Amino acid sequence: MVPSILALTGDEALISMRGSAMGLYSLVLGFGMGLGSILGSYSYVKLGLGGIALLALVIFVIAFILYAVLRVILLRK
């Protein structure tokens, strides 16, 4: 999945900003993997497998709310 997202990022970014877009994507991907490993292992130790599912649900809800808010803000302009 990562190669197709990198291709989409490269296609959609301005030519002058293509390197920055790819770098930002890679930075966010690496940060998410690192933070996800830490939070996932912590929630597993404290709450078991249900803790991982609960953490995933919380992250999904936060991401959905952030998406909805940003979409409303961007569509106003």
PDB file of N, CA and C in Angstrom:
ATOM      1  N   MET A   1       0.825  -1.193   0.000  1.00  0.00           N
ATOM      2  CA  MET A   1       0.000   0.000   0.000  1.00  0.00           C
ATOM      3  C   MET A   1       0.866   1.254   0.000  1.00  0.00           C
ATOM      4  N   VAL A   2       2.015   1.196   0.624  1.00  0.00           N
ATOM      5  CA  VAL A   2       2.869   2.375   0.704  1.00  0.00           C
ATOM      6  C   VAL A   2       3.326   2.853  -0.673  1.00  0.00           C
ATOM      7  N   PRO A   3       3.754   1.978  -1.598  1.00  0.00           N
ATOM      8  CA  PRO A   3       4.174   2.488  -2.911  1.00  0.00           C
ATOM      9  C   PRO A   3       3.059   3.219  -3.658  1.00  0.00           C
ATOM     10  N   SER A   4       1.836   2.751  -3.547  1.00  0.00           N
ATOM     11  CA  SER A   4       0.748   3.431  -4.253  1.00  0.00           C
ATOM     12  C   SER A   4       0.442   4.789  -3.632  1.00  0.00           C
ATOM     13  N   ILE A   5       0.561   4.905  -2.315  1.00  0.00           N
ATOM     14  CA  ILE A   5       0.332   6.198  -1.667  1.00  0.00           C
ATOM     15  C   ILE A   5       1.459   7.158  -2.015  1.00  0.00           C
ATOM     16  N   LEU A   6       2.689   6.657  -2.075  1.00  0.00           N
ATOM     17  CA  LEU A   6       3.804   7.508  -2.486  1.00  0.00           C
ATOM     18  C   LEU A   6       3.609   8.006  -3.917  1.00  0.00           C
ATOM     19  N   ALA A   7       3.116   7.152  -4.800  1.00  0.00           N
ATOM     20  CA  ALA A   7       2.859   7.560  -6.181  1.00  0.00           C
ATOM     21  C   ALA A   7       1.773   8.626  -6.237  1.00  0.00           C
ATOM     22  N   LEU A   8       0.712   8.446  -5.472  1.00  0.00           N
ATOM     23  CA  LEU A   8      -0.365   9.434  -5.430  1.00  0.00           C
ATOM     24  C   LEU A   8       0.135  10.756  -4.874  1.00  0.00           C
ATOM     25  N   THR A   9       0.944  10.691  -3.809  1.00  0.00           N
ATOM     26  CA  THR A   9       1.508  11.905  -3.226  1.00  0.00           C
ATOM     27  C   THR A   9       2.376  12.635  -4.246  1.00  0.00           C
ATOM     28  N   GLY A  10       3.202  11.894  -4.950  1.00  0.00           N
ATOM     29  CA  GLY A  10       4.047  12.505  -5.968  1.00  0.00           C
ATOM     30  C   GLY A  10       3.256  13.101  -7.119  1.00  0.00           C
ATOM     31  N   ASP A  11       2.167  12.462  -7.505  1.00  0.00           N
ATOM     32  CA  ASP A  11       1.351  12.958  -8.612  1.00  0.00           C
ATOM     33  C   ASP A  11       0.559  14.206  -8.230  1.00  0.00           C
ATOM     34  N   GLU A  12       0.074  14.262  -7.003  1.00  0.00           N
ATOM     35  CA  GLU A  12      -0.789  15.363  -6.581  1.00  0.00           C
ATOM     36  C   GLU A  12      -0.022  16.596  -6.120  1.00  0.00           C
ATOM     37  N   ALA A  13       1.215  16.440  -5.705  1.00  0.00           N
ATOM     38  CA  ALA A  13       2.000  17.576  -5.215  1.00  0.00           C
ATOM     39  C   ALA A  13       2.496  18.418  -6.390  1.00  0.00           C
ATOM     40  N   LEU A  14       2.661  19.699  -6.120  1.00  0.00           N
ATOM     41  CA  LEU A  14       3.277  20.569  -7.119  1.00  0.00           C
ATOM     42  C   LEU A  14       4.698  20.090  -7.377  1.00  0.00           C
ATOM     43  N   ILE A  15       5.177  20.294  -8.573  1.00  0.00           N
ATOM     44  CA  ILE A  15       6.514  19.798  -8.924  1.00  0.00           C
ATOM     45  C   ILE A  15       7.569  20.403  -8.005  1.00  0.00           C
ATOM     46  N   SER A  16       7.417  21.685  -7.672  1.00  0.00           N
ATOM     47  CA  SER A  16       8.406  22.338  -6.817  1.00  0.00           C
ATOM     48  C   SER A  16       8.327  21.864  -5.367  1.00  0.00           C
ATOM     49  N   MET A  17       7.210  21.256  -4.975  1.00  0.00           N
ATOM     50  CA  MET A  17       7.011  20.813  -3.590  1.00  0.00           C
ATOM     51  C   MET A  17       7.016  19.291  -3.470  1.00  0.00           C
ATOM     52  N   ARG A  18       7.316  18.595  -4.544  1.00  0.00           N
ATOM     53  CA  ARG A  18       7.227  17.139  -4.550  1.00  0.00           C
ATOM     54  C   ARG A  18       8.144  16.498  -3.504  1.00  0.00           C
ATOM     55  N   GLY A  19       9.378  16.959  -3.404  1.00  0.00           N
ATOM     56  CA  GLY A  19      10.309  16.410  -2.417  1.00  0.00           C
ATOM     57  C   GLY A  19       9.847  16.658  -0.997  1.00  0.00           C
ATOM     58  N   SER A  20       9.318  17.852  -0.750  1.00  0.00           N
ATOM     59  CA  SER A  20       8.804  18.169   0.591  1.00  0.00           C
ATOM     60  C   SER A  20       7.601  17.309   0.937  1.00  0.00           C
ATOM     61  N   ALA A  21       6.716  17.088  -0.032  1.00  0.00           N
ATOM     62  CA  ALA A  21       5.529  16.261   0.214  1.00  0.00           C
ATOM     63  C   ALA A  21       5.919  14.821   0.522  1.00  0.00           C
ATOM     64  N   MET A  22       6.864  14.291  -0.232  1.00  0.00           N
ATOM     65  CA  MET A  22       7.318  12.911   0.010  1.00  0.00           C
ATOM     66  C   MET A  22       8.023  12.811   1.354  1.00  0.00           C
ATOM     67  N   GLY A  23       8.827  13.814   1.687  1.00  0.00           N
ATOM     68  CA  GLY A  23       9.524  13.815   2.966  1.00  0.00           C
ATOM     69  C   GLY A  23       8.564  13.905   4.131  1.00  0.00           C
ATOM     70  N   LEU A  24       7.543  14.758   4.008  1.00  0.00           N
ATOM     71  CA  LEU A  24       6.551  14.893   5.079  1.00  0.00           C
ATOM     72  C   LEU A  24       5.767  13.597   5.255  1.00  0.00           C
ATOM     73  N   TYR A  25       5.399  12.968   4.139  1.00  0.00           N
ATOM     74  CA  TYR A  25       4.692  11.689   4.218  1.00  0.00           C
ATOM     75  C   TYR A  25       5.540  10.639   4.939  1.00  0.00           C
ATOM     76  N   SER A  26       6.807  10.556   4.579  1.00  0.00           N
ATOM     77  CA  SER A  26       7.697   9.577   5.208  1.00  0.00           C
ATOM     78  C   SER A  26       7.887   9.866   6.689  1.00  0.00           C
ATOM     79  N   LEU A  27       7.975  11.150   7.043  1.00  0.00           N
ATOM     80  CA  LEU A  27       8.120  11.537   8.446  1.00  0.00           C
ATOM     81  C   LEU A  27       6.886  11.131   9.255  1.00  0.00           C
ATOM     82  N   VAL A  28       5.717  11.432   8.739  1.00  0.00           N
ATOM     83  CA  VAL A  28       4.480  11.090   9.443  1.00  0.00           C
ATOM     84  C   VAL A  28       4.308   9.577   9.546  1.00  0.00           C
ATOM     85  N   LEU A  29       4.658   8.861   8.496  1.00  0.00           N
ATOM     86  CA  LEU A  29       4.559   7.405   8.516  1.00  0.00           C
ATOM     87  C   LEU A  29       5.480   6.808   9.574  1.00  0.00           C
ATOM     88  N   GLY A  30       6.718   7.266   9.627  1.00  0.00           N
ATOM     89  CA  GLY A  30       7.666   6.774  10.625  1.00  0.00           C
ATOM     90  C   GLY A  30       7.248   7.125  12.041  1.00  0.00           C
ATOM     91  N   PHE A  31       6.759   8.354  12.236  1.00  0.00           N
ATOM     92  CA  PHE A  31       6.289   8.777  13.555  1.00  0.00           C
ATOM     93  C   PHE A  31       5.104   7.924  13.997  1.00  0.00           C
ATOM     94  N   GLY A  32       4.190   7.653  13.078  1.00  0.00           N
ATOM     95  CA  GLY A  32       3.024   6.836  13.413  1.00  0.00           C
ATOM     96  C   GLY A  32       3.393   5.408  13.781  1.00  0.00           C
ATOM     97  N   MET A  33       4.361   4.847  13.065  1.00  0.00           N
ATOM     98  CA  MET A  33       4.801   3.484  13.391  1.00  0.00           C
ATOM     99  C   MET A  33       5.461   3.433  14.767  1.00  0.00           C
ATOM    100  N   GLY A  34       6.291   4.418  15.060  1.00  0.00           N
ATOM    101  CA  GLY A  34       6.958   4.442  16.353  1.00  0.00           C
ATOM    102  C   GLY A  34       5.994   4.660  17.496  1.00  0.00           C
ATOM    103  N   LEU A  35       5.127   5.659  17.357  1.00  0.00           N
ATOM    104  CA  LEU A  35       4.158   5.950  18.415  1.00  0.00           C
ATOM    105  C   LEU A  35       3.137   4.822  18.553  1.00  0.00           C
ATOM    106  N   GLY A  36       2.742   4.240  17.436  1.00  0.00           N
ATOM    107  CA  GLY A  36       1.793   3.130  17.478  1.00  0.00           C
ATOM    108  C   GLY A  36       2.347   1.921  18.202  1.00  0.00           C
ATOM    109  N   SER A  37       3.622   1.647  18.013  1.00  0.00           N
ATOM    110  CA  SER A  37       4.252   0.525  18.710  1.00  0.00           C
ATOM    111  C   SER A  37       4.270   0.753  20.218  1.00  0.00           C
ATOM    112  N   ILE A  38       4.606   1.961  20.608  1.00  0.00           N
ATOM    113  CA  ILE A  38       4.668   2.284  22.036  1.00  0.00           C
ATOM    114  C   ILE A  38       3.279   2.243  22.661  1.00  0.00           C
ATOM    115  N   LEU A  39       2.312   2.919  22.044  1.00  0.00           N
ATOM    116  CA  LEU A  39       0.958   2.951  22.603  1.00  0.00           C
ATOM    117  C   LEU A  39       0.295   1.581  22.570  1.00  0.00           C
ATOM    118  N   GLY A  40       0.522   0.834  21.494  1.00  0.00           N
ATOM    119  CA  GLY A  40      -0.064  -0.503  21.392  1.00  0.00           C
ATOM    120  C   GLY A  40       0.469  -1.452  22.449  1.00  0.00           C
ATOM    121  N   SER A  41       1.773  -1.432  22.665  1.00  0.00           N
ATOM    122  CA  SER A  41       2.334  -2.330  23.686  1.00  0.00           C
ATOM    123  C   SER A  41       1.913  -1.910  25.082  1.00  0.00           C
ATOM    124  N   TYR A  42       1.827  -0.605  25.323  1.00  0.00           N
ATOM    125  CA  TYR A  42       1.383  -0.132  26.642  1.00  0.00           C
ATOM    126  C   TYR A  42      -0.064  -0.539  26.911  1.00  0.00           C
ATOM    127  N   SER A  43      -0.938  -0.356  25.917  1.00  0.00           N
ATOM    128  CA  SER A  43      -2.342  -0.711  26.116  1.00  0.00           C
ATOM    129  C   SER A  43      -2.517  -2.220  26.252  1.00  0.00           C
ATOM    130  N   TYR A  44      -1.667  -3.003  25.580  1.00  0.00           N
ATOM    131  CA  TYR A  44      -1.741  -4.456  25.716  1.00  0.00           C
ATOM    132  C   TYR A  44      -1.326  -4.892  27.112  1.00  0.00           C
ATOM    133  N   VAL A  45      -0.282  -4.287  27.647  1.00  0.00           N
ATOM    134  CA  VAL A  45       0.191  -4.643  28.989  1.00  0.00           C
ATOM    135  C   VAL A  45      -0.859  -4.274  30.035  1.00  0.00           C
ATOM    136  N   LYS A  46      -1.481  -3.110  29.886  1.00  0.00           N
ATOM    137  CA  LYS A  46      -2.438  -2.637  30.890  1.00  0.00           C
ATOM    138  C   LYS A  46      -3.816  -3.271  30.748  1.00  0.00           C
ATOM    139  N   LEU A  47      -4.302  -3.473  29.509  1.00  0.00           N
ATOM    140  CA  LEU A  47      -5.689  -3.900  29.307  1.00  0.00           C
ATOM    141  C   LEU A  47      -5.846  -5.183  28.496  1.00  0.00           C
ATOM    142  N   GLY A  48      -4.775  -5.745  27.989  1.00  0.00           N
ATOM    143  CA  GLY A  48      -4.872  -6.960  27.178  1.00  0.00           C
ATOM    144  C   GLY A  48      -5.262  -6.636  25.748  1.00  0.00           C
ATOM    145  N   LEU A  49      -5.742  -7.643  25.034  1.00  0.00           N
ATOM    146  CA  LEU A  49      -6.112  -7.449  23.626  1.00  0.00           C
ATOM    147  C   LEU A  49      -7.243  -6.440  23.457  1.00  0.00           C
ATOM    148  N   GLY A  50      -8.130  -6.392  24.419  1.00  0.00           N
ATOM    149  CA  GLY A  50      -9.215  -5.405  24.364  1.00  0.00           C
ATOM    150  C   GLY A  50      -8.680  -3.984  24.410  1.00  0.00           C
ATOM    151  N   GLY A  51      -7.556  -3.788  25.078  1.00  0.00           N
ATOM    152  CA  GLY A  51      -6.944  -2.468  25.146  1.00  0.00           C
ATOM    153  C   GLY A  51      -6.467  -1.988  23.791  1.00  0.00           C
ATOM    154  N   ILE A  52      -5.952  -2.905  22.984  1.00  0.00           N
ATOM    155  CA  ILE A  52      -5.517  -2.533  21.637  1.00  0.00           C
ATOM    156  C   ILE A  52      -6.723  -2.137  20.787  1.00  0.00           C
ATOM    157  N   ALA A  53      -7.803  -2.887  20.904  1.00  0.00           N
ATOM    158  CA  ALA A  53      -9.018  -2.561  20.159  1.00  0.00           C
ATOM    159  C   ALA A  53      -9.593  -1.220  20.617  1.00  0.00           C
ATOM    160  N   LEU A  54      -9.585  -0.984  21.921  1.00  0.00           N
ATOM    161  CA  LEU A  54     -10.076   0.286  22.458  1.00  0.00           C
ATOM    162  C   LEU A  54      -9.213   1.448  21.975  1.00  0.00           C
ATOM    163  N   LEU A  55      -7.913   1.274  21.986  1.00  0.00           N
ATOM    164  CA  LEU A  55      -7.005   2.304  21.502  1.00  0.00           C
ATOM    165  C   LEU A  55      -7.253   2.589  20.024  1.00  0.00           C
ATOM    166  N   ALA A  56      -7.435   1.559  19.224  1.00  0.00           N
ATOM    167  CA  ALA A  56      -7.711   1.742  17.796  1.00  0.00           C
ATOM    168  C   ALA A  56      -9.016   2.505  17.588  1.00  0.00           C
ATOM    169  N   LEU A  57     -10.028   2.195  18.393  1.00  0.00           N
ATOM    170  CA  LEU A  57     -11.308   2.898  18.289  1.00  0.00           C
ATOM    171  C   LEU A  57     -11.151   4.371  18.641  1.00  0.00           C
ATOM    172  N   VAL A  58     -10.420   4.662  19.701  1.00  0.00           N
ATOM    173  CA  VAL A  58     -10.206   6.048  20.110  1.00  0.00           C
ATOM    174  C   VAL A  58      -9.458   6.824  19.022  1.00  0.00           C
ATOM    175  N   ILE A  59      -8.427   6.225  18.459  1.00  0.00           N
ATOM    176  CA  ILE A  59      -7.670   6.888  17.401  1.00  0.00           C
ATOM    177  C   ILE A  59      -8.549   7.110  16.173  1.00  0.00           C
ATOM    178  N   PHE A  60      -9.384   6.136  15.832  1.00  0.00           N
ATOM    179  CA  PHE A  60     -10.284   6.281  14.693  1.00  0.00           C
ATOM    180  C   PHE A  60     -11.268   7.428  14.911  1.00  0.00           C
ATOM    181  N   VAL A  61     -11.852   7.513  16.093  1.00  0.00           N
ATOM    182  CA  VAL A  61     -12.829   8.566  16.384  1.00  0.00           C
ATOM    183  C   VAL A  61     -12.162   9.939  16.324  1.00  0.00           C
ATOM    184  N   ILE A  62     -10.974  10.057  16.903  1.00  0.00           N
ATOM    185  CA  ILE A  62     -10.255  11.330  16.864  1.00  0.00           C
ATOM    186  C   ILE A  62      -9.923  11.716  15.426  1.00  0.00           C
ATOM    187  N   ALA A  63      -9.462  10.767  14.625  1.00  0.00           N
ATOM    188  CA  ALA A  63      -9.127  11.048  13.230  1.00  0.00           C
ATOM    189  C   ALA A  63     -10.370  11.453  12.439  1.00  0.00           C
ATOM    190  N   PHE A  64     -11.508  10.808  12.697  1.00  0.00           N
ATOM    191  CA  PHE A  64     -12.735  11.143  11.989  1.00  0.00           C
ATOM    192  C   PHE A  64     -13.207  12.545  12.347  1.00  0.00           C
ATOM    193  N   ILE A  65     -13.149  12.893  13.625  1.00  0.00           N
ATOM    194  CA  ILE A  65     -13.554  14.232  14.056  1.00  0.00           C
ATOM    195  C   ILE A  65     -12.631  15.281  13.456  1.00  0.00           C
ATOM    196  N   LEU A  66     -11.337  15.024  13.466  1.00  0.00           N
ATOM    197  CA  LEU A  66     -10.378  15.959  12.877  1.00  0.00           C
ATOM    198  C   LEU A  66     -10.637  16.118  11.382  1.00  0.00           C
ATOM    199  N   TYR A  67     -10.903  15.031  10.689  1.00  0.00           N
ATOM    200  CA  TYR A  67     -11.212  15.088   9.260  1.00  0.00           C
ATOM    201  C   TYR A  67     -12.462  15.932   9.011  1.00  0.00           C
ATOM    202  N   ALA A  68     -13.512  15.703   9.792  1.00  0.00           N
ATOM    203  CA  ALA A  68     -14.766  16.432   9.599  1.00  0.00           C
ATOM    204  C   ALA A  68     -14.580  17.928   9.855  1.00  0.00           C
ATOM    205  N   VAL A  69     -13.853  18.268  10.903  1.00  0.00           N
ATOM    206  CA  VAL A  69     -13.629  19.681  11.220  1.00  0.00           C
ATOM    207  C   VAL A  69     -12.793  20.351  10.131  1.00  0.00           C
ATOM    208  N   LEU A  70     -11.720  19.704   9.701  1.00  0.00           N
ATOM    209  CA  LEU A  70     -10.886  20.286   8.661  1.00  0.00           C
ATOM    210  C   LEU A  70     -11.632  20.407   7.339  1.00  0.00           C
ATOM    211  N   ARG A  71     -12.480  19.457   7.050  1.00  0.00           N
ATOM    212  CA  ARG A  71     -13.255  19.518   5.803  1.00  0.00           C
ATOM    213  C   ARG A  71     -14.199  20.711   5.811  1.00  0.00           C
ATOM    214  N   VAL A  72     -14.864  20.943   6.957  1.00  0.00           N
ATOM    215  CA  VAL A  72     -15.774  22.088   7.063  1.00  0.00           C
ATOM    216  C   VAL A  72     -14.992  23.394   6.920  1.00  0.00           C
ATOM    217  N   ILE A  73     -13.845  23.468   7.575  1.00  0.00           N
ATOM    218  CA  ILE A  73     -13.039  24.698   7.496  1.00  0.00           C
ATOM    219  C   ILE A  73     -12.556  24.947   6.072  1.00  0.00           C
ATOM    220  N   LEU A  74     -12.083  23.906   5.391  1.00  0.00           N
ATOM    221  CA  LEU A  74     -11.557  24.077   4.042  1.00  0.00           C
ATOM    222  C   LEU A  74     -12.657  24.355   3.010  1.00  0.00           C
ATOM    223  N   LEU A  75     -13.857  23.849   3.230  1.00  0.00           N
ATOM    224  CA  LEU A  75     -14.938  24.083   2.272  1.00  0.00           C
ATOM    225  C   LEU A  75     -15.516  25.484   2.408  1.00  0.00           C
ATOM    226  N   ARG A  76     -15.299  26.137   3.538  1.00  0.00           N
ATOM    227  CA  ARG A  76     -15.774  27.513   3.708  1.00  0.00           C
ATOM    228  C   ARG A  76     -14.992  28.485   2.849  1.00  0.00           C
ATOM    229  N   LYS A  77     -13.760  28.164   2.556  1.00  0.00           N
ATOM    230  CA  LYS A  77     -12.897  29.099   1.812  1.00  0.00           C
ATOM    231  C   LYS A  77     -13.142  29.064   0.341  1.00  0.00           C
TER     232      LYS A  77
END
